[in-house]
Amino acid sequence: MLEEFHNKGYGFKTWQMVEKTFPKTKVWTTTTPYFEIRNIHFYVNKCGFKIVKLSNLSDKFNNIEEVEWFFDFEKIMNN
């Protein structure tokens, strides 16, 4: 990621546009690797998501040998 775009509010403004574009959405979900602290901060503290699960790729794909951990997020909208 290009450092000159960090901490400028572009991600949050983009997320606000996504929510406005799809106002009938009841629940948003996304996933990010557990080690991506910036992503976790963004989704939880900026966009209002909640962490609902810690999972790994072997949970989703039985043939994956390497364990890679992810946080699953959810945001329930008040439409």
PDB file of N, CA and C in Angstrom:
ATOM      1  N   MET A   1       0.846  -1.177   0.000  1.00  0.00           N
ATOM      2  CA  MET A   1       0.000   0.000   0.000  1.00  0.00           C
ATOM      3  C   MET A   1       0.884   1.231   0.000  1.00  0.00           C
ATOM      4  N   LEU A   2       0.477   2.233  -0.703  1.00  0.00           N
ATOM      5  CA  LEU A   2       1.251   3.456  -0.784  1.00  0.00           C
ATOM      6  C   LEU A   2       1.066   4.297   0.465  1.00  0.00           C
ATOM      7  N   GLU A   3       2.166   4.587   1.116  1.00  0.00           N
ATOM      8  CA  GLU A   3       2.136   5.298   2.397  1.00  0.00           C
ATOM      9  C   GLU A   3       1.515   6.689   2.290  1.00  0.00           C
ATOM     10  N   GLU A   4       1.638   7.336   1.141  1.00  0.00           N
ATOM     11  CA  GLU A   4       1.102   8.700   1.032  1.00  0.00           C
ATOM     12  C   GLU A   4      -0.424   8.760   1.119  1.00  0.00           C
ATOM     13  N   PHE A   5      -1.083   7.621   1.030  1.00  0.00           N
ATOM     14  CA  PHE A   5      -2.538   7.587   1.135  1.00  0.00           C
ATOM     15  C   PHE A   5      -3.020   7.229   2.539  1.00  0.00           C
ATOM     16  N   HIS A   6      -2.103   6.860   3.441  1.00  0.00           N
ATOM     17  CA  HIS A   6      -2.478   6.494   4.813  1.00  0.00           C
ATOM     18  C   HIS A   6      -2.883   7.726   5.609  1.00  0.00           C
ATOM     19  N   ASN A   7      -3.857   7.540   6.493  1.00  0.00           N
ATOM     20  CA  ASN A   7      -4.284   8.577   7.437  1.00  0.00           C
ATOM     21  C   ASN A   7      -4.791   9.853   6.768  1.00  0.00           C
ATOM     22  N   LYS A   8      -5.397   9.703   5.602  1.00  0.00           N
ATOM     23  CA  LYS A   8      -5.967  10.854   4.908  1.00  0.00           C
ATOM     24  C   LYS A   8      -7.495  10.819   4.913  1.00  0.00           C
ATOM     25  N   GLY A   9      -8.082   9.720   5.433  1.00  0.00           N
ATOM     26  CA  GLY A   9      -9.529   9.602   5.480  1.00  0.00           C
ATOM     27  C   GLY A   9     -10.158   9.032   4.226  1.00  0.00           C
ATOM     28  N   TYR A  10      -9.354   8.630   3.253  1.00  0.00           N
ATOM     29  CA  TYR A  10      -9.897   8.107   1.992  1.00  0.00           C
ATOM     30  C   TYR A  10     -10.696   6.825   2.202  1.00  0.00           C
ATOM     31  N   GLY A  11     -10.183   5.930   3.026  1.00  0.00           N
ATOM     32  CA  GLY A  11     -10.879   4.660   3.260  1.00  0.00           C
ATOM     33  C   GLY A  11     -12.225   4.872   3.927  1.00  0.00           C
ATOM     34  N   PHE A  12     -12.265   5.728   4.938  1.00  0.00           N
ATOM     35  CA  PHE A  12     -13.512   5.988   5.647  1.00  0.00           C
ATOM     36  C   PHE A  12     -14.529   6.678   4.747  1.00  0.00           C
ATOM     37  N   LYS A  13     -14.087   7.650   3.959  1.00  0.00           N
ATOM     38  CA  LYS A  13     -14.994   8.331   3.018  1.00  0.00           C
ATOM     39  C   LYS A  13     -15.529   7.349   1.982  1.00  0.00           C
ATOM     40  N   THR A  14     -14.659   6.458   1.528  1.00  0.00           N
ATOM     41  CA  THR A  14     -15.088   5.446   0.561  1.00  0.00           C
ATOM     42  C   THR A  14     -16.118   4.518   1.194  1.00  0.00           C
ATOM     43  N   TRP A  15     -15.868   4.092   2.437  1.00  0.00           N
ATOM     44  CA  TRP A  15     -16.822   3.204   3.103  1.00  0.00           C
ATOM     45  C   TRP A  15     -18.166   3.900   3.291  1.00  0.00           C
ATOM     46  N   GLN A  16     -18.174   5.180   3.645  1.00  0.00           N
ATOM     47  CA  GLN A  16     -19.425   5.922   3.793  1.00  0.00           C
ATOM     48  C   GLN A  16     -20.186   5.952   2.469  1.00  0.00           C
ATOM     49  N   MET A  17     -19.475   6.123   1.347  1.00  0.00           N
ATOM     50  CA  MET A  17     -20.137   6.122   0.037  1.00  0.00           C
ATOM     51  C   MET A  17     -20.739   4.757  -0.270  1.00  0.00           C
ATOM     52  N   VAL A  18     -20.047   3.683   0.092  1.00  0.00           N
ATOM     53  CA  VAL A  18     -20.564   2.328  -0.137  1.00  0.00           C
ATOM     54  C   VAL A  18     -21.874   2.147   0.625  1.00  0.00           C
ATOM     55  N   GLU A  19     -21.897   2.537   1.900  1.00  0.00           N
ATOM     56  CA  GLU A  19     -23.122   2.401   2.695  1.00  0.00           C
ATOM     57  C   GLU A  19     -24.263   3.234   2.116  1.00  0.00           C
ATOM     58  N   LYS A  20     -23.962   4.443   1.650  1.00  0.00           N
ATOM     59  CA  LYS A  20     -25.003   5.291   1.052  1.00  0.00           C
ATOM     60  C   LYS A  20     -25.494   4.733  -0.277  1.00  0.00           C
ATOM     61  N   THR A  21     -24.604   4.070  -1.010  1.00  0.00           N
ATOM     62  CA  THR A  21     -24.966   3.498  -2.309  1.00  0.00           C
ATOM     63  C   THR A  21     -25.898   2.297  -2.154  1.00  0.00           C
ATOM     64  N   PHE A  22     -25.766   1.575  -1.042  1.00  0.00           N
ATOM     65  CA  PHE A  22     -26.569   0.376  -0.793  1.00  0.00           C
ATOM     66  C   PHE A  22     -27.322   0.510   0.532  1.00  0.00           C
ATOM     67  N   PRO A  23     -28.274   1.440   0.613  1.00  0.00           N
ATOM     68  CA  PRO A  23     -28.943   1.737   1.888  1.00  0.00           C
ATOM     69  C   PRO A  23     -29.835   0.620   2.412  1.00  0.00           C
ATOM     70  N   LYS A  24     -30.213  -0.323   1.572  1.00  0.00           N
ATOM     71  CA  LYS A  24     -31.095  -1.407   2.015  1.00  0.00           C
ATOM     72  C   LYS A  24     -30.331  -2.595   2.598  1.00  0.00           C
ATOM     73  N   THR A  25     -29.018  -2.523   2.597  1.00  0.00           N
ATOM     74  CA  THR A  25     -28.216  -3.602   3.159  1.00  0.00           C
ATOM     75  C   THR A  25     -28.466  -3.693   4.652  1.00  0.00           C
ATOM     76  N   LYS A  26     -28.766  -4.870   5.125  1.00  0.00           N
ATOM     77  CA  LYS A  26     -29.051  -5.096   6.549  1.00  0.00           C
ATOM     78  C   LYS A  26     -27.793  -5.423   7.347  1.00  0.00           C
ATOM     79  N   VAL A  27     -26.903  -6.249   6.745  1.00  0.00           N
ATOM     80  CA  VAL A  27     -25.702  -6.687   7.449  1.00  0.00           C
ATOM     81  C   VAL A  27     -24.520  -6.661   6.472  1.00  0.00           C
ATOM     82  N   TRP A  28     -23.444  -6.025   6.896  1.00  0.00           N
ATOM     83  CA  TRP A  28     -22.199  -6.039   6.149  1.00  0.00           C
ATOM     84  C   TRP A  28     -21.256  -7.019   6.821  1.00  0.00           C
ATOM     85  N   THR A  29     -20.484  -7.762   6.045  1.00  0.00           N
ATOM     86  CA  THR A  29     -19.480  -8.665   6.594  1.00  0.00           C
ATOM     87  C   THR A  29     -18.178  -8.497   5.820  1.00  0.00           C
ATOM     88  N   THR A  30     -17.088  -8.725   6.507  1.00  0.00           N
ATOM     89  CA  THR A  30     -15.771  -8.710   5.863  1.00  0.00           C
ATOM     90  C   THR A  30     -14.811  -9.522   6.712  1.00  0.00           C
ATOM     91  N   THR A  31     -13.638  -9.768   6.174  1.00  0.00           N
ATOM     92  CA  THR A  31     -12.613 -10.572   6.839  1.00  0.00           C
ATOM     93  C   THR A  31     -11.259  -9.909   6.617  1.00  0.00           C
ATOM     94  N   THR A  32     -10.395  -9.988   7.616  1.00  0.00           N
ATOM     95  CA  THR A  32      -9.030  -9.470   7.462  1.00  0.00           C
ATOM     96  C   THR A  32      -8.075 -10.333   8.278  1.00  0.00           C
ATOM     97  N   PRO A  33      -6.829 -10.461   7.834  1.00  0.00           N
ATOM     98  CA  PRO A  33      -5.849 -11.241   8.602  1.00  0.00           C
ATOM     99  C   PRO A  33      -5.667 -10.671  10.012  1.00  0.00           C
ATOM    100  N   TYR A  34      -5.434 -11.544  10.971  1.00  0.00           N
ATOM    101  CA  TYR A  34      -5.329 -11.140  12.376  1.00  0.00           C
ATOM    102  C   TYR A  34      -4.177 -10.176  12.624  1.00  0.00           C
ATOM    103  N   PHE A  35      -3.138 -10.229  11.811  1.00  0.00           N
ATOM    104  CA  PHE A  35      -1.962  -9.392  12.044  1.00  0.00           C
ATOM    105  C   PHE A  35      -2.074  -8.002  11.423  1.00  0.00           C
ATOM    106  N   GLU A  36      -3.138  -7.742  10.683  1.00  0.00           N
ATOM    107  CA  GLU A  36      -3.303  -6.435  10.034  1.00  0.00           C
ATOM    108  C   GLU A  36      -3.962  -5.460  11.006  1.00  0.00           C
ATOM    109  N   ILE A  37      -3.180  -4.957  11.928  1.00  0.00           N
ATOM    110  CA  ILE A  37      -3.688  -4.090  12.990  1.00  0.00           C
ATOM    111  C   ILE A  37      -4.395  -2.864  12.421  1.00  0.00           C
ATOM    112  N   ARG A  38      -3.860  -2.286  11.371  1.00  0.00           N
ATOM    113  CA  ARG A  38      -4.501  -1.097  10.761  1.00  0.00           C
ATOM    114  C   ARG A  38      -5.907  -1.435  10.268  1.00  0.00           C
ATOM    115  N   ASN A  39      -6.067  -2.594   9.634  1.00  0.00           N
ATOM    116  CA  ASN A  39      -7.390  -2.992   9.143  1.00  0.00           C
ATOM    117  C   ASN A  39      -8.365  -3.187  10.301  1.00  0.00           C
ATOM    118  N   ILE A  40      -7.897  -3.854  11.355  1.00  0.00           N
ATOM    119  CA  ILE A  40      -8.761  -4.111  12.508  1.00  0.00           C
ATOM    120  C   ILE A  40      -9.208  -2.789  13.106  1.00  0.00           C
ATOM    121  N   HIS A  41      -8.283  -1.865  13.305  1.00  0.00           N
ATOM    122  CA  HIS A  41      -8.623  -0.533  13.822  1.00  0.00           C
ATOM    123  C   HIS A  41      -9.641   0.151  12.912  1.00  0.00           C
ATOM    124  N   PHE A  42      -9.413   0.113  11.610  1.00  0.00           N
ATOM    125  CA  PHE A  42     -10.301   0.771  10.651  1.00  0.00           C
ATOM    126  C   PHE A  42     -11.721   0.221  10.738  1.00  0.00           C
ATOM    127  N   TYR A  43     -11.861  -1.090  10.626  1.00  0.00           N
ATOM    128  CA  TYR A  43     -13.203  -1.674  10.619  1.00  0.00           C
ATOM    129  C   TYR A  43     -13.931  -1.503  11.946  1.00  0.00           C
ATOM    130  N   VAL A  44     -13.241  -1.689  13.057  1.00  0.00           N
ATOM    131  CA  VAL A  44     -13.892  -1.624  14.372  1.00  0.00           C
ATOM    132  C   VAL A  44     -14.083  -0.187  14.837  1.00  0.00           C
ATOM    133  N   ASN A  45     -13.022   0.585  14.868  1.00  0.00           N
ATOM    134  CA  ASN A  45     -13.068   1.915  15.469  1.00  0.00           C
ATOM    135  C   ASN A  45     -13.572   3.009  14.538  1.00  0.00           C
ATOM    136  N   LYS A  46     -13.369   2.859  13.251  1.00  0.00           N
ATOM    137  CA  LYS A  46     -13.816   3.882  12.301  1.00  0.00           C
ATOM    138  C   LYS A  46     -15.178   3.566  11.700  1.00  0.00           C
ATOM    139  N   CYS A  47     -15.363   2.312  11.274  1.00  0.00           N
ATOM    140  CA  CYS A  47     -16.561   1.970  10.505  1.00  0.00           C
ATOM    141  C   CYS A  47     -17.663   1.306  11.323  1.00  0.00           C
ATOM    142  N   GLY A  48     -17.392   0.937  12.561  1.00  0.00           N
ATOM    143  CA  GLY A  48     -18.434   0.396  13.419  1.00  0.00           C
ATOM    144  C   GLY A  48     -18.707  -1.090  13.312  1.00  0.00           C
ATOM    145  N   PHE A  49     -17.782  -1.843  12.746  1.00  0.00           N
ATOM    146  CA  PHE A  49     -17.934  -3.292  12.692  1.00  0.00           C
ATOM    147  C   PHE A  49     -17.633  -3.895  14.062  1.00  0.00           C
ATOM    148  N   LYS A  50     -18.119  -5.098  14.287  1.00  0.00           N
ATOM    149  CA  LYS A  50     -17.804  -5.898  15.468  1.00  0.00           C
ATOM    150  C   LYS A  50     -17.066  -7.145  15.002  1.00  0.00           C
ATOM    151  N   ILE A  51     -16.093  -7.572  15.790  1.00  0.00           N
ATOM    152  CA  ILE A  51     -15.426  -8.847  15.498  1.00  0.00           C
ATOM    153  C   ILE A  51     -16.350  -9.955  15.971  1.00  0.00           C
ATOM    154  N   VAL A  52     -16.700 -10.865  15.058  1.00  0.00           N
ATOM    155  CA  VAL A  52     -17.637 -11.924  15.410  1.00  0.00           C
ATOM    156  C   VAL A  52     -16.996 -13.304  15.458  1.00  0.00           C
ATOM    157  N   LYS A  53     -15.781 -13.424  14.870  1.00  0.00           N
ATOM    158  CA  LYS A  53     -15.172 -14.754  14.853  1.00  0.00           C
ATOM    159  C   LYS A  53     -13.691 -14.653  14.520  1.00  0.00           C
ATOM    160  N   LEU A  54     -12.913 -15.515  15.123  1.00  0.00           N
ATOM    161  CA  LEU A  54     -11.531 -15.741  14.734  1.00  0.00           C
ATOM    162  C   LEU A  54     -11.518 -17.082  14.021  1.00  0.00           C
ATOM    163  N   SER A  55     -11.092 -17.078  12.777  1.00  0.00           N
ATOM    164  CA  SER A  55     -11.121 -18.319  12.003  1.00  0.00           C
ATOM    165  C   SER A  55      -9.791 -18.493  11.277  1.00  0.00           C
ATOM    166  N   ASN A  56      -9.639 -19.649  10.660  1.00  0.00           N
ATOM    167  CA  ASN A  56      -8.442 -19.872   9.846  1.00  0.00           C
ATOM    168  C   ASN A  56      -8.847 -20.521   8.532  1.00  0.00           C
ATOM    169  N   LEU A  57      -7.934 -20.446   7.565  1.00  0.00           N
ATOM    170  CA  LEU A  57      -8.247 -20.968   6.232  1.00  0.00           C
ATOM    171  C   LEU A  57      -8.564 -22.447   6.247  1.00  0.00           C
ATOM    172  N   SER A  58      -7.969 -23.192   7.168  1.00  0.00           N
ATOM    173  CA  SER A  58      -8.255 -24.623   7.205  1.00  0.00           C
ATOM    174  C   SER A  58      -9.700 -24.883   7.638  1.00  0.00           C
ATOM    175  N   ASP A  59     -10.344 -23.902   8.332  1.00  0.00           N
ATOM    176  CA  ASP A  59     -11.772 -24.029   8.646  1.00  0.00           C
ATOM    177  C   ASP A  59     -12.615 -23.939   7.375  1.00  0.00           C
ATOM    178  N   LYS A  60     -12.174 -23.077   6.447  1.00  0.00           N
ATOM    179  CA  LYS A  60     -12.956 -22.815   5.239  1.00  0.00           C
ATOM    180  C   LYS A  60     -12.607 -23.751   4.092  1.00  0.00           C
ATOM    181  N   PHE A  61     -11.325 -24.164   4.028  1.00  0.00           N
ATOM    182  CA  PHE A  61     -10.856 -25.015   2.938  1.00  0.00           C
ATOM    183  C   PHE A  61     -10.108 -26.188   3.538  1.00  0.00           C
ATOM    184  N   ASN A  62     -10.672 -27.349   3.472  1.00  0.00           N
ATOM    185  CA  ASN A  62     -10.108 -28.530   4.134  1.00  0.00           C
ATOM    186  C   ASN A  62      -8.737 -28.941   3.612  1.00  0.00           C
ATOM    187  N   ASN A  63      -8.398 -28.564   2.394  1.00  0.00           N
ATOM    188  CA  ASN A  63      -7.130 -29.016   1.825  1.00  0.00           C
ATOM    189  C   ASN A  63      -5.974 -28.051   2.100  1.00  0.00           C
ATOM    190  N   ILE A  64      -6.174 -27.010   2.882  1.00  0.00           N
ATOM    191  CA  ILE A  64      -5.107 -26.068   3.232  1.00  0.00           C
ATOM    192  C   ILE A  64      -4.358 -26.613   4.447  1.00  0.00           C
ATOM    193  N   GLU A  65      -3.044 -26.770   4.325  1.00  0.00           N
ATOM    194  CA  GLU A  65      -2.253 -27.291   5.440  1.00  0.00           C
ATOM    195  C   GLU A  65      -1.777 -26.179   6.367  1.00  0.00           C
ATOM    196  N   GLU A  66      -1.392 -25.037   5.801  1.00  0.00           N
ATOM    197  CA  GLU A  66      -0.874 -23.932   6.605  1.00  0.00           C
ATOM    198  C   GLU A  66      -2.039 -23.192   7.273  1.00  0.00           C
ATOM    199  N   VAL A  67      -1.904 -22.925   8.550  1.00  0.00           N
ATOM    200  CA  VAL A  67      -2.955 -22.221   9.284  1.00  0.00           C
ATOM    201  C   VAL A  67      -2.698 -20.726   9.181  1.00  0.00           C
ATOM    202  N   GLU A  68      -3.663 -20.003   8.644  1.00  0.00           N
ATOM    203  CA  GLU A  68      -3.604 -18.549   8.577  1.00  0.00           C
ATOM    204  C   GLU A  68      -4.851 -18.016   9.259  1.00  0.00           C
ATOM    205  N   TRP A  69      -4.656 -17.204  10.287  1.00  0.00           N
ATOM    206  CA  TRP A  69      -5.768 -16.718  11.095  1.00  0.00           C
ATOM    207  C   TRP A  69      -6.344 -15.416  10.561  1.00  0.00           C
ATOM    208  N   PHE A  70      -7.680 -15.318  10.665  1.00  0.00           N
ATOM    209  CA  PHE A  70      -8.413 -14.155  10.196  1.00  0.00           C
ATOM    210  C   PHE A  70      -9.474 -13.763  11.219  1.00  0.00           C
ATOM    211  N   PHE A  71      -9.772 -12.469  11.262  1.00  0.00           N
ATOM    212  CA  PHE A  71     -10.931 -11.997  12.001  1.00  0.00           C
ATOM    213  C   PHE A  71     -12.080 -11.807  11.028  1.00  0.00           C
ATOM    214  N   ASP A  72     -13.257 -12.293  11.398  1.00  0.00           N
ATOM    215  CA  ASP A  72     -14.473 -12.042  10.636  1.00  0.00           C
ATOM    216  C   ASP A  72     -15.215 -10.896  11.339  1.00  0.00           C
ATOM    217  N   PHE A  73     -15.643  -9.919  10.569  1.00  0.00           N
ATOM    218  CA  PHE A  73     -16.338  -8.746  11.092  1.00  0.00           C
ATOM    219  C   PHE A  73     -17.772  -8.712  10.599  1.00  0.00           C
ATOM    220  N   GLU A  74     -18.615  -8.020  11.352  1.00  0.00           N
ATOM    221  CA  GLU A  74     -20.021  -7.858  10.979  1.00  0.00           C
ATOM    222  C   GLU A  74     -20.482  -6.477  11.426  1.00  0.00           C
ATOM    223  N   LYS A  75     -21.277  -5.848  10.581  1.00  0.00           N
ATOM    224  CA  LYS A  75     -21.886  -4.568  10.939  1.00  0.00           C
ATOM    225  C   LYS A  75     -23.368  -4.668  10.615  1.00  0.00           C
ATOM    226  N   ILE A  76     -24.202  -4.565  11.644  1.00  0.00           N
ATOM    227  CA  ILE A  76     -25.653  -4.624  11.477  1.00  0.00           C
ATOM    228  C   ILE A  76     -26.158  -3.192  11.343  1.00  0.00           C
ATOM    229  N   MET A  77     -26.858  -2.946  10.269  1.00  0.00           N
ATOM    230  CA  MET A  77     -27.343  -1.599   9.968  1.00  0.00           C
ATOM    231  C   MET A  77     -28.696  -1.350  10.641  1.00  0.00           C
ATOM    232  N   ASN A  78     -28.922  -0.128  11.010  1.00  0.00           N
ATOM    233  CA  ASN A  78     -30.202   0.295  11.596  1.00  0.00           C
ATOM    234  C   ASN A  78     -31.016   1.019  10.539  1.00  0.00           C
ATOM    235  N   ASN A  79     -31.534   0.256   9.570  1.00  0.00           N
ATOM    236  CA  ASN A  79     -32.302   0.876   8.462  1.00  0.00           C
ATOM    237  C   ASN A  79     -33.726   1.125   8.886  1.00  0.00           C
TER     238      ASN A  79
END
